[in-house]
Each structure stands twice: as C-alpha cells, then as structure tokens.
Protein backbone atom coordinates (compact mmCIF):
# COMPACT_ATOMS: atom_id res chain seq x y z
CA MET A 1 -1.57 -23.48 -17.77
CA GLN A 2 -5.09 -24.89 -17.72
CA LEU A 3 -7.35 -21.88 -19.56
CA ILE A 4 -10.49 -21.95 -17.81
CA GLU A 5 -12.93 -20.78 -21.24
CA ILE A 6 -16.15 -18.74 -19.44
CA GLU A 7 -19.53 -20.69 -20.27
CA ASN A 8 -21.43 -19.00 -17.52
CA LEU A 9 -21.07 -15.61 -15.82
CA ASP A 10 -22.96 -16.51 -12.74
CA LEU A 11 -20.19 -19.17 -11.99
CA PRO A 12 -18.99 -18.43 -8.30
CA ALA A 13 -15.63 -18.35 -8.45
CA LEU A 14 -15.90 -15.19 -11.12
CA GLN A 15 -18.63 -13.00 -8.73
CA ILE A 16 -15.87 -12.15 -6.42
CA TYR A 17 -14.89 -9.44 -9.38
CA ARG A 18 -17.85 -7.63 -9.29
CA LYS A 19 -17.19 -6.36 -5.95
CA LEU A 20 -14.71 -3.86 -6.54
CA ARG A 21 -15.23 -1.41 -2.52
CA GLY A 22 -12.43 -2.44 0.12
CA ASN A 23 -14.56 -3.31 2.22
CA ALA A 24 -16.12 -6.24 0.10
CA PHE A 25 -12.23 -7.69 0.60
CA ASP A 26 -12.42 -7.90 4.71
CA ALA A 27 -14.30 -10.86 5.53
CA ASP A 28 -11.24 -12.97 4.04
CA ASN A 29 -8.75 -10.67 3.44
CA SER A 30 -8.28 -10.92 -0.37
CA PHE A 31 -8.26 -8.38 -2.96
CA ILE A 32 -8.37 -7.31 -6.46
CA ALA A 33 -5.51 -5.88 -8.65
CA ASP A 34 -5.43 -5.19 -12.39
CA SER A 35 -3.28 -3.92 -15.22
CA PRO A 36 -0.39 -5.91 -16.30
CA LYS A 37 2.56 -4.49 -14.82
CA VAL A 38 0.43 -4.82 -11.70
CA VAL A 39 -0.52 -8.49 -11.89
CA THR A 40 3.21 -8.62 -13.70
CA MET A 41 4.63 -7.46 -10.32
CA LEU A 42 1.83 -9.79 -8.11
CA LEU A 43 3.34 -12.77 -10.12
CA GLU A 44 6.64 -12.60 -9.33
CA SER A 45 6.13 -11.74 -5.72
CA ASP A 46 5.26 -14.74 -3.04
CA ILE A 47 2.14 -13.19 -2.85
CA ALA A 48 -0.95 -16.20 -2.99
CA VAL A 49 -3.48 -16.04 -5.66
CA ASN A 50 -6.39 -17.35 -5.89
CA SER A 51 -7.32 -16.76 -9.94
CA ILE A 52 -6.90 -14.80 -12.55
CA LEU A 53 -9.64 -13.06 -14.75
CA ALA A 54 -8.00 -11.99 -18.64
CA THR A 55 -8.21 -12.24 -21.67
CA ARG A 56 -6.24 -15.01 -24.88
CA GLU A 57 -3.61 -12.58 -25.31
CA TYR A 58 -2.45 -12.08 -21.82
CA TYR A 59 -1.72 -15.70 -21.04
CA THR A 60 -0.32 -15.81 -24.41
CA GLN A 61 2.62 -12.76 -23.65
CA ASN A 62 2.90 -14.01 -19.67
CA GLN A 63 2.61 -17.69 -19.94
CA HIS A 64 6.21 -18.06 -18.55
CA LEU A 65 4.71 -16.43 -15.23
CA ILE A 66 1.72 -18.75 -14.48
CA ALA A 67 3.52 -22.40 -16.37
CA ALA A 68 4.30 -23.04 -13.13
CA ARG A 69 1.63 -21.91 -10.76
CA ASP A 70 -0.85 -25.11 -10.89
CA ASP A 71 -2.49 -23.95 -8.04
CA ILE A 72 -4.10 -20.58 -9.75
CA LYS A 73 -7.73 -20.55 -11.21
CA CYS A 74 -7.29 -19.16 -15.00
CA PHE A 75 -10.03 -17.37 -16.48
CA VAL A 76 -10.13 -16.54 -20.17
CA GLY A 77 -12.79 -14.71 -22.08
CA GLU A 78 -12.85 -11.79 -24.83
CA LYS A 79 -12.44 -8.37 -23.12
CA SER A 80 -16.11 -7.60 -23.91
CA LEU A 81 -17.14 -10.60 -21.60
CA LEU A 82 -14.58 -9.37 -19.18
CA GLU A 83 -16.45 -5.91 -18.86
CA SER A 84 -19.54 -7.69 -18.89
CA ILE A 85 -18.86 -9.51 -15.49
CA VAL A 86 -16.56 -6.46 -13.71
CA GLY A 87 -19.58 -3.92 -14.92
CA HIS A 88 -16.63 -1.04 -15.68
CA LYS A 89 -14.57 -0.69 -19.17
CA LEU A 90 -10.90 -2.52 -18.57
CA HIS A 91 -8.57 -0.57 -20.10
CA HIS A 92 -6.45 -3.74 -20.19
CA GLY A 93 -7.84 -7.21 -20.59
CA VAL A 94 -6.52 -8.47 -17.23
CA MET A 95 -7.68 -8.58 -13.43
CA LEU A 96 -6.29 -10.61 -10.06
CA HIS A 97 -7.20 -11.97 -7.10
CA GLY A 98 -5.51 -12.85 -4.36
CA LYS A 99 -5.11 -12.56 -0.57
CA ARG A 100 -3.12 -9.55 1.15
CA PRO A 101 0.07 -10.93 3.08
CA ASP A 102 -0.31 -11.55 6.73
CA ASN A 103 -0.28 -9.01 9.28
CA VAL A 104 3.98 -8.84 9.94
CA LEU A 105 4.64 -8.41 13.66
CA LEU A 106 5.99 -5.14 15.06
CA GLU A 107 9.19 -6.77 15.59
CA ASP A 108 9.84 -8.51 12.43
CA LEU A 109 9.63 -4.78 10.61
CA GLY A 110 12.83 -3.08 8.62
CA ASP A 111 14.78 -0.43 10.26
CA HIS A 112 12.87 2.20 8.68
CA ILE A 113 9.20 2.18 8.88
CA ILE A 114 6.84 5.05 7.34
CA LEU A 115 3.77 5.43 9.31
CA LEU A 116 0.32 6.51 8.34
CA ASP A 117 -2.19 7.43 10.94
CA ARG A 118 -5.74 7.72 9.99
CA LEU A 119 -5.21 8.46 6.23
CA SER A 120 -8.72 8.13 4.24
CA ASN A 121 -7.33 8.29 0.69
CA MET A 122 -6.72 5.27 -1.04
CA GLU A 123 -4.50 6.33 -3.85
CA ASN A 124 -2.35 9.00 -1.31
CA VAL A 125 -1.62 5.55 0.66
CA GLY A 126 -0.64 3.96 -3.02
CA ALA A 127 1.56 7.18 -3.59
CA ILE A 128 3.40 6.64 -0.27
CA ALA A 129 4.11 2.85 -0.71
CA ARG A 130 5.52 3.52 -4.31
CA SER A 131 7.96 6.02 -2.39
CA ALA A 132 8.79 3.69 0.68
CA ALA A 133 9.59 1.35 -1.90
CA ALA A 134 12.13 3.51 -4.02
CA LEU A 135 13.45 4.83 -1.20
CA GLY A 136 14.23 1.73 0.58
CA VAL A 137 11.85 2.11 3.27
CA ASP A 138 10.65 -1.73 3.34
CA SER A 139 8.26 -1.27 6.06
CA MET A 140 5.09 0.76 6.37
CA MET A 141 2.38 1.45 9.49
CA LEU A 142 -1.13 1.72 9.43
CA SER A 143 -4.41 2.65 11.82
CA GLU A 144 -7.32 0.28 10.76
CA ASP A 145 -9.45 2.41 9.88
CA ALA A 146 -7.28 3.47 6.98
CA PRO A 147 -7.53 1.75 3.66
CA HIS A 148 -6.12 -1.21 2.71
CA PRO A 149 -2.73 -1.04 0.90
CA TYR A 150 -4.30 -3.67 -0.87
CA GLY A 151 -7.19 -1.91 -2.25
CA ARG A 152 -7.21 -1.84 -5.66
CA ARG A 153 -6.91 1.63 -6.42
CA SER A 154 -3.91 1.76 -3.29
CA ILE A 155 -2.45 -1.54 -5.68
CA ARG A 156 -2.42 0.55 -8.85
CA VAL A 157 -0.87 3.72 -7.95
CA SER A 158 1.91 2.24 -5.65
CA MET A 159 2.15 -0.14 -9.62
CA GLY A 160 1.99 -3.28 -7.32
CA TYR A 161 5.69 -1.88 -5.25
CA VAL A 162 3.42 -2.18 -2.39
CA THR A 163 4.96 -5.86 -2.31
CA LYS A 164 8.14 -4.66 -1.94
CA LEU A 165 6.85 -3.40 2.28
CA ARG A 166 6.22 -5.33 5.26
CA ILE A 167 2.85 -4.27 6.68
CA HIS A 168 1.87 -3.77 9.80
CA ARG A 169 -1.93 -2.48 11.13
CA PHE A 170 -2.64 -1.31 14.25
CA ASP A 171 -5.31 -0.36 16.21
CA SER A 172 -3.90 1.77 19.00
CA LEU A 173 -0.90 4.68 17.60
CA SER A 174 -0.77 5.34 21.38
CA GLU A 175 0.16 1.85 21.87
CA ARG A 176 2.67 1.14 19.65
CA ILE A 177 4.57 4.35 20.09
CA SER A 178 5.58 2.93 22.94
CA GLU A 179 6.06 -0.16 21.98
CA LEU A 180 8.52 1.28 18.87
CA LYS A 181 10.59 3.00 21.12
CA THR A 182 11.00 -0.01 23.42
CA LEU A 183 12.23 -1.15 20.20
CA GLY A 184 14.84 1.32 19.81
CA TYR A 185 13.15 3.67 16.98
CA THR A 186 13.16 7.27 17.45
CA ILE A 187 9.56 8.73 16.97
CA TYR A 188 9.04 11.67 13.73
CA ALA A 189 6.20 13.86 13.70
CA ALA A 190 5.72 15.46 9.68
CA GLU A 191 3.40 17.65 11.23
CA ALA A 192 3.51 21.74 10.55
CA SER A 193 3.26 23.36 14.11
CA SER A 194 4.09 25.74 16.38
CA GLU A 195 6.50 23.71 18.07
CA ALA A 196 8.16 21.84 14.42
CA ILE A 197 12.00 22.16 13.77
CA PRO A 198 12.77 22.71 10.31
CA LEU A 199 13.54 19.15 8.17
CA SER A 200 16.60 20.54 6.75
CA THR A 201 18.23 21.45 9.73
CA LEU A 202 17.68 17.54 11.23
CA ASP A 203 21.72 16.20 10.61
CA THR A 204 21.37 13.72 13.13
CA ILE A 205 19.64 10.20 11.99
CA PRO A 206 19.53 7.26 14.28
CA ASP A 207 19.45 3.84 12.85
CA LYS A 208 16.62 2.78 13.92
CA TRP A 209 13.26 5.48 13.11
CA VAL A 210 9.50 5.91 12.07
CA VAL A 211 7.93 8.58 10.17
CA ILE A 212 4.60 9.96 11.02
CA VAL A 213 2.42 10.76 8.42
CA GLY A 214 -1.55 12.60 9.32
CA ASN A 215 -5.07 13.11 8.45
CA GLU A 216 -5.37 14.48 5.29
CA GLU A 217 -7.77 16.88 6.99
CA ALA A 218 -6.93 16.67 10.45
CA GLY A 219 -2.75 15.69 10.58
CA LEU A 220 -2.14 14.57 14.27
CA SER A 221 -3.82 14.91 17.29
CA LYS A 222 -1.55 17.22 20.16
CA GLU A 223 -1.64 13.90 21.97
CA ILE A 224 0.61 12.34 19.92
CA LEU A 225 2.34 14.95 18.49
CA ALA A 226 2.90 14.73 22.66
CA LEU A 227 4.33 11.36 22.16
CA CYS A 228 6.73 11.86 19.35
CA ASP A 229 10.74 12.48 20.07
CA HIS A 230 10.47 14.78 17.34
CA VAL A 231 8.42 17.05 15.31
CA VAL A 232 9.52 18.38 12.44
CA GLN A 233 7.95 20.48 8.76
CA ILE A 234 9.35 20.65 5.42
CA GLU A 235 9.70 24.47 4.73
CA MET A 236 8.08 26.22 1.92
CA ALA A 237 7.00 29.28 0.49
CA GLU A 238 4.90 31.59 3.09
CA GLU A 239 1.60 31.83 1.23
CA VAL A 240 1.09 27.89 1.14
CA LYS A 241 0.09 25.75 4.09
CA SER A 242 1.11 22.60 3.56
CA PHE A 243 1.84 19.65 0.66
CA ASN A 244 0.29 16.46 0.14
CA VAL A 245 0.25 14.44 2.35
CA ALA A 246 1.94 11.81 -0.49
CA ILE A 247 4.26 14.17 -0.94
CA ALA A 248 5.38 15.41 2.12
CA ALA A 249 5.89 11.27 3.54
CA SER A 250 8.24 10.49 0.37
CA ILE A 251 10.59 14.39 0.90
CA VAL A 252 10.32 13.20 4.65
CA MET A 253 11.77 9.96 4.06
CA HIS A 254 14.39 10.82 1.38
CA TRP A 255 15.69 13.30 3.63
CA MET A 256 16.28 10.49 7.01
CA VAL A 257 17.30 8.05 4.07
CA VAL A 258 20.23 10.23 2.24
CA ASN A 259 21.10 11.80 5.29
CA GLY A 260 20.83 8.37 7.44
C-alpha cells in the first residue's frame, strides 16, 4: 500500500469527491461511498475500487484490507484538508470512489426478487436493500428512473449490504413482468387496493417469486396491478392508510421468506 500525500487540491483524481449528486456518476457508472463500515464492506467485496480518500489513521487501522489492492490510489491527508475537498464536514475520515457493478441479466437473478417501481427516495432504496440482504432475498430490480442503489446515501443507509445483492435495472416494467413469468416467477404486487388480499392469508408460497412495491406517493398503476398474479396488502389499523414503502417491502419479504 503506497499512500499519496495530498499536495495539490486541484489534482484531477480528487475532483470526483466534490461531485456528490447521484447523476454526476451516471456517465462513467461510478459511485462515492463514505464511513468506515461501508468502505470496509466494499473493500471486502469484489467491487472495483478506483481510489480512497482518507486520514492516515484510517489507513493504519485498515492496512490489512488495502495491502493486496495495488490498483487502488490511496490519497491521504488531514481531516480538515479532506473536508476542504468534499465541501462539507466529514463525520468519518474516509471516502471511496468505486465502479458500479454491471447490470445483472434477468436470467441470472435469484429465485426471490424485490422489485422497486419508480421509487424516488434514495434512503428508501438503501433501507430496502439492507432488509433484502438480511432476509436472504439476494436480487433487486429497479426502474431506470429510480435512484441508483449505489448512490452515496443509498449505500450508507444499506450499511454496505447492497453489495450482497444482484441488481437489474430496466426501462419497461410491463415487458419485464412478462419475461419474469416466462422464467417461472410468480409476481406479487404489494398495494393497498380493493382487489388486494390480506398478506396473512397468503400461505402457499412458490419457489420463485417477485414482490413489487411502487412509488412512495402514487404506488403501483392499475395497468401494472393487472399484470401481476396476486395483489397483497398488509393488515393495519383502520385509521392508518399505509406504511413507509421500505417498511412495507420488509414486512412482505419477511412473510414470503418464512412461509416459503
């Protein structure tokens, strides 16, 4: 591990750390992650890492993780210097710039899939990724207009467990539902509607399934609901209309896993 002392703040390789909005990374399909736990999990995965920006203390404590990765540029500086580069206060002394994993082919996904249609909140994407990994649901599908699961806030909320998931992004949900059915999946929509059956009555779970959750405000469209094999809703108090989408997805996934 060879540390690169930061002497020039305008070094081209450091400019990526100034761009923290998700769409800034679409062109080269990369991402920024922060916090020691998340960065450690990324280093332990097979994710390609371009560089690390950290304090000397971080490198001293984690040299065993980086020693064998000669391909990583390791920039080092005082915390105040790092903060002047990223433009905000760093609660932890490390950030990482990596490459998003390639889109996994539909036929290479696992038997259990959580599918997110038009979600808009990056924290929700990260929370669902963490729950999916915890429950052994190893595959996630997202519409291309949803936040990327390797967005900085999504990775942080997932605590890095997004690295445990096979991820497939798509542009047409109706086409993907048809293809998933051809591959033998049963499609479940999680939606509070008059056509939905109570989740607790769902006691026969197939080997291959997909659970779809929709946009935080609009939910799933009638057209998509009509394409699903089943529509389920979580029983709740009458005066409460809905759960947060990340909570709802976690409850439905848990029921599917423990009863499957």
